[in-house]
């Protein structure tokens, strides 16, 4: 897991999810402008948390695949129990990714 600075996160995104690099760059620019306008580091902290979680998920292909699978189930099912189960798994994956990031 990389450090949560912009350069380390950018390098990780470039390696494990290169198609998301333009999204990363746009988000970083937006966070920098918001931080300046708000005179707060909060937008940059949220940016780092967001992309740290993406890296934490995408660096494990099985985890990323499970997330996409359950997102698809949640978006397509009409069955309430199936929806709850898919959302619970999404929540577990996101919680695990956030815990990895916050442990840095």
C-alpha atoms as a PDB file:
ATOM      1  CA  UNK A   1       0.000   0.000   0.000  1.00  0.00           C
ATOM      2  CA  UNK A   2       1.553   3.327  -1.007  1.00  0.00           C
ATOM      3  CA  UNK A   3       1.837   6.418   1.137  1.00  0.00           C
ATOM      4  CA  UNK A   4      -1.151   8.744   0.831  1.00  0.00           C
ATOM      5  CA  UNK A   5       0.693  11.611  -0.845  1.00  0.00           C
ATOM      6  CA  UNK A   6      -0.328  12.600  -4.366  1.00  0.00           C
ATOM      7  CA  UNK A   7       2.850  11.324  -6.052  1.00  0.00           C
ATOM      8  CA  UNK A   8       2.673   7.880  -4.430  1.00  0.00           C
ATOM      9  CA  UNK A   9      -1.043   7.538  -5.120  1.00  0.00           C
ATOM     10  CA  UNK A  10      -0.573   8.675  -8.739  1.00  0.00           C
ATOM     11  CA  UNK A  11       2.162   6.068  -9.257  1.00  0.00           C
ATOM     12  CA  UNK A  12      -0.038   3.358  -7.747  1.00  0.00           C
ATOM     13  CA  UNK A  13      -3.018   4.338  -9.907  1.00  0.00           C
ATOM     14  CA  UNK A  14      -0.774   4.373 -12.976  1.00  0.00           C
ATOM     15  CA  UNK A  15       0.358   0.837 -12.148  1.00  0.00           C
ATOM     16  CA  UNK A  16      -2.862  -0.866 -11.061  1.00  0.00           C
ATOM     17  CA  UNK A  17      -5.626   1.166 -12.724  1.00  0.00           C
ATOM     18  CA  UNK A  18      -4.049   3.192 -15.550  1.00  0.00           C
ATOM     19  CA  UNK A  19      -7.386   3.927 -17.196  1.00  0.00           C
ATOM     20  CA  UNK A  20      -8.357   5.887 -14.060  1.00  0.00           C
ATOM     21  CA  UNK A  21      -5.348   8.233 -14.233  1.00  0.00           C
ATOM     22  CA  UNK A  22      -7.279  11.077 -15.959  1.00  0.00           C
ATOM     23  CA  UNK A  23      -9.994  10.804 -13.295  1.00  0.00           C
ATOM     24  CA  UNK A  24      -7.293  10.920 -10.606  1.00  0.00           C
ATOM     25  CA  UNK A  25      -5.736  14.046 -12.114  1.00  0.00           C
ATOM     26  CA  UNK A  26      -9.097  15.829 -12.447  1.00  0.00           C
ATOM     27  CA  UNK A  27     -10.035  14.944  -8.866  1.00  0.00           C
ATOM     28  CA  UNK A  28      -6.667  16.127  -7.555  1.00  0.00           C
ATOM     29  CA  UNK A  29      -6.956  19.466  -9.374  1.00  0.00           C
ATOM     30  CA  UNK A  30     -10.498  19.931  -8.027  1.00  0.00           C
ATOM     31  CA  UNK A  31      -9.364  19.088  -4.478  1.00  0.00           C
ATOM     32  CA  UNK A  32      -6.488  21.562  -4.707  1.00  0.00           C
ATOM     33  CA  UNK A  33      -8.814  24.344  -5.893  1.00  0.00           C
ATOM     34  CA  UNK A  34     -11.339  23.547  -3.156  1.00  0.00           C
ATOM     35  CA  UNK A  35      -8.591  23.523  -0.521  1.00  0.00           C
ATOM     36  CA  UNK A  36      -7.403  26.931  -1.678  1.00  0.00           C
ATOM     37  CA  UNK A  37     -10.925  28.382  -1.903  1.00  0.00           C
ATOM     38  CA  UNK A  38     -11.970  26.981   1.477  1.00  0.00           C
ATOM     39  CA  UNK A  39      -8.588  27.632   3.096  1.00  0.00           C
ATOM     40  CA  UNK A  40      -8.787  24.096   4.428  1.00  0.00           C
ATOM     41  CA  UNK A  41      -6.872  20.862   3.968  1.00  0.00           C
ATOM     42  CA  UNK A  42     -10.079  18.816   4.224  1.00  0.00           C
ATOM     43  CA  UNK A  43     -10.583  18.485   0.436  1.00  0.00           C
ATOM     44  CA  UNK A  44      -7.040  17.139   0.110  1.00  0.00           C
ATOM     45  CA  UNK A  45      -7.559  14.724   3.000  1.00  0.00           C
ATOM     46  CA  UNK A  46     -10.751  13.427   1.399  1.00  0.00           C
ATOM     47  CA  UNK A  47      -8.969  13.103  -1.952  1.00  0.00           C
ATOM     48  CA  UNK A  48      -6.210  11.029  -0.315  1.00  0.00           C
ATOM     49  CA  UNK A  49      -8.710   8.823   1.514  1.00  0.00           C
ATOM     50  CA  UNK A  50     -10.782   8.298  -1.644  1.00  0.00           C
ATOM     51  CA  UNK A  51      -7.839   7.332  -3.848  1.00  0.00           C
ATOM     52  CA  UNK A  52      -6.169   5.359  -1.075  1.00  0.00           C
ATOM     53  CA  UNK A  53      -9.322   3.251  -0.863  1.00  0.00           C
ATOM     54  CA  UNK A  54      -9.392   2.799  -4.638  1.00  0.00           C
ATOM     55  CA  UNK A  55      -5.786   1.602  -4.568  1.00  0.00           C
ATOM     56  CA  UNK A  56      -6.504  -0.652  -1.569  1.00  0.00           C
ATOM     57  CA  UNK A  57      -9.319  -2.285  -3.539  1.00  0.00           C
ATOM     58  CA  UNK A  58      -7.751  -2.407  -6.998  1.00  0.00           C
ATOM     59  CA  UNK A  59      -4.405  -3.787  -5.859  1.00  0.00           C
ATOM     60  CA  UNK A  60      -6.179  -7.043  -5.006  1.00  0.00           C
ATOM     61  CA  UNK A  61      -7.869  -8.243  -8.229  1.00  0.00           C
ATOM     62  CA  UNK A  62     -10.172 -10.666  -6.386  1.00  0.00           C
ATOM     63  CA  UNK A  63     -11.373  -7.877  -4.097  1.00  0.00           C
ATOM     64  CA  UNK A  64     -11.933  -5.502  -7.016  1.00  0.00           C
ATOM     65  CA  UNK A  65     -13.796  -8.201  -8.937  1.00  0.00           C
ATOM     66  CA  UNK A  66     -16.010  -8.981  -5.937  1.00  0.00           C
ATOM     67  CA  UNK A  67     -16.825  -5.288  -5.537  1.00  0.00           C
ATOM     68  CA  UNK A  68     -17.816  -4.922  -9.197  1.00  0.00           C
ATOM     69  CA  UNK A  69     -19.821  -8.146  -9.054  1.00  0.00           C
ATOM     70  CA  UNK A  70     -21.822  -7.015  -6.033  1.00  0.00           C
ATOM     71  CA  UNK A  71     -22.290  -3.508  -7.420  1.00  0.00           C
ATOM     72  CA  UNK A  72     -23.793  -5.093 -10.529  1.00  0.00           C
ATOM     73  CA  UNK A  73     -26.054  -7.347  -8.467  1.00  0.00           C
ATOM     74  CA  UNK A  74     -27.197  -4.394  -6.356  1.00  0.00           C
ATOM     75  CA  UNK A  75     -27.968  -2.331  -9.444  1.00  0.00           C
ATOM     76  CA  UNK A  76     -29.920  -5.057 -11.258  1.00  0.00           C
ATOM     77  CA  UNK A  77     -31.743  -7.166  -8.684  1.00  0.00           C
ATOM     78  CA  UNK A  78     -35.376  -6.718  -7.778  1.00  0.00           C
ATOM     79  CA  UNK A  79     -35.059  -9.123  -4.852  1.00  0.00           C
ATOM     80  CA  UNK A  80     -34.751  -7.315  -1.494  1.00  0.00           C
ATOM     81  CA  UNK A  81     -32.760 -10.092   0.190  1.00  0.00           C
ATOM     82  CA  UNK A  82     -30.321 -10.288  -2.695  1.00  0.00           C
ATOM     83  CA  UNK A  83     -29.990  -6.497  -2.638  1.00  0.00           C
ATOM     84  CA  UNK A  84     -29.268  -6.473   1.104  1.00  0.00           C
ATOM     85  CA  UNK A  85     -26.668  -9.240   0.728  1.00  0.00           C
ATOM     86  CA  UNK A  86     -24.943  -7.416  -2.149  1.00  0.00           C
ATOM     87  CA  UNK A  87     -24.925  -4.114  -0.245  1.00  0.00           C
ATOM     88  CA  UNK A  88     -23.563  -5.837   2.863  1.00  0.00           C
ATOM     89  CA  UNK A  89     -20.675  -7.292   0.836  1.00  0.00           C
ATOM     90  CA  UNK A  90     -19.967  -3.902  -0.752  1.00  0.00           C
ATOM     91  CA  UNK A  91     -19.915  -2.390   2.737  1.00  0.00           C
ATOM     92  CA  UNK A  92     -17.463  -5.072   3.971  1.00  0.00           C
ATOM     93  CA  UNK A  93     -15.121  -4.452   1.038  1.00  0.00           C
ATOM     94  CA  UNK A  94     -15.191  -0.677   1.509  1.00  0.00           C
ATOM     95  CA  UNK A  95     -14.677  -1.012   5.272  1.00  0.00           C
ATOM     96  CA  UNK A  96     -11.654  -3.264   4.738  1.00  0.00           C
ATOM     97  CA  UNK A  97     -10.170  -0.816   2.225  1.00  0.00           C
ATOM     98  CA  UNK A  98     -10.759   2.135   4.552  1.00  0.00           C
ATOM     99  CA  UNK A  99      -9.149   0.275   7.456  1.00  0.00           C
ATOM    100  CA  UNK A 100      -6.050  -0.355   5.322  1.00  0.00           C
ATOM    101  CA  UNK A 101      -5.825   3.306   4.404  1.00  0.00           C
ATOM    102  CA  UNK A 102      -6.374   4.604   7.936  1.00  0.00           C
ATOM    103  CA  UNK A 103      -3.689   2.215   9.250  1.00  0.00           C
ATOM    104  CA  UNK A 104      -1.028   4.056   7.236  1.00  0.00           C
END
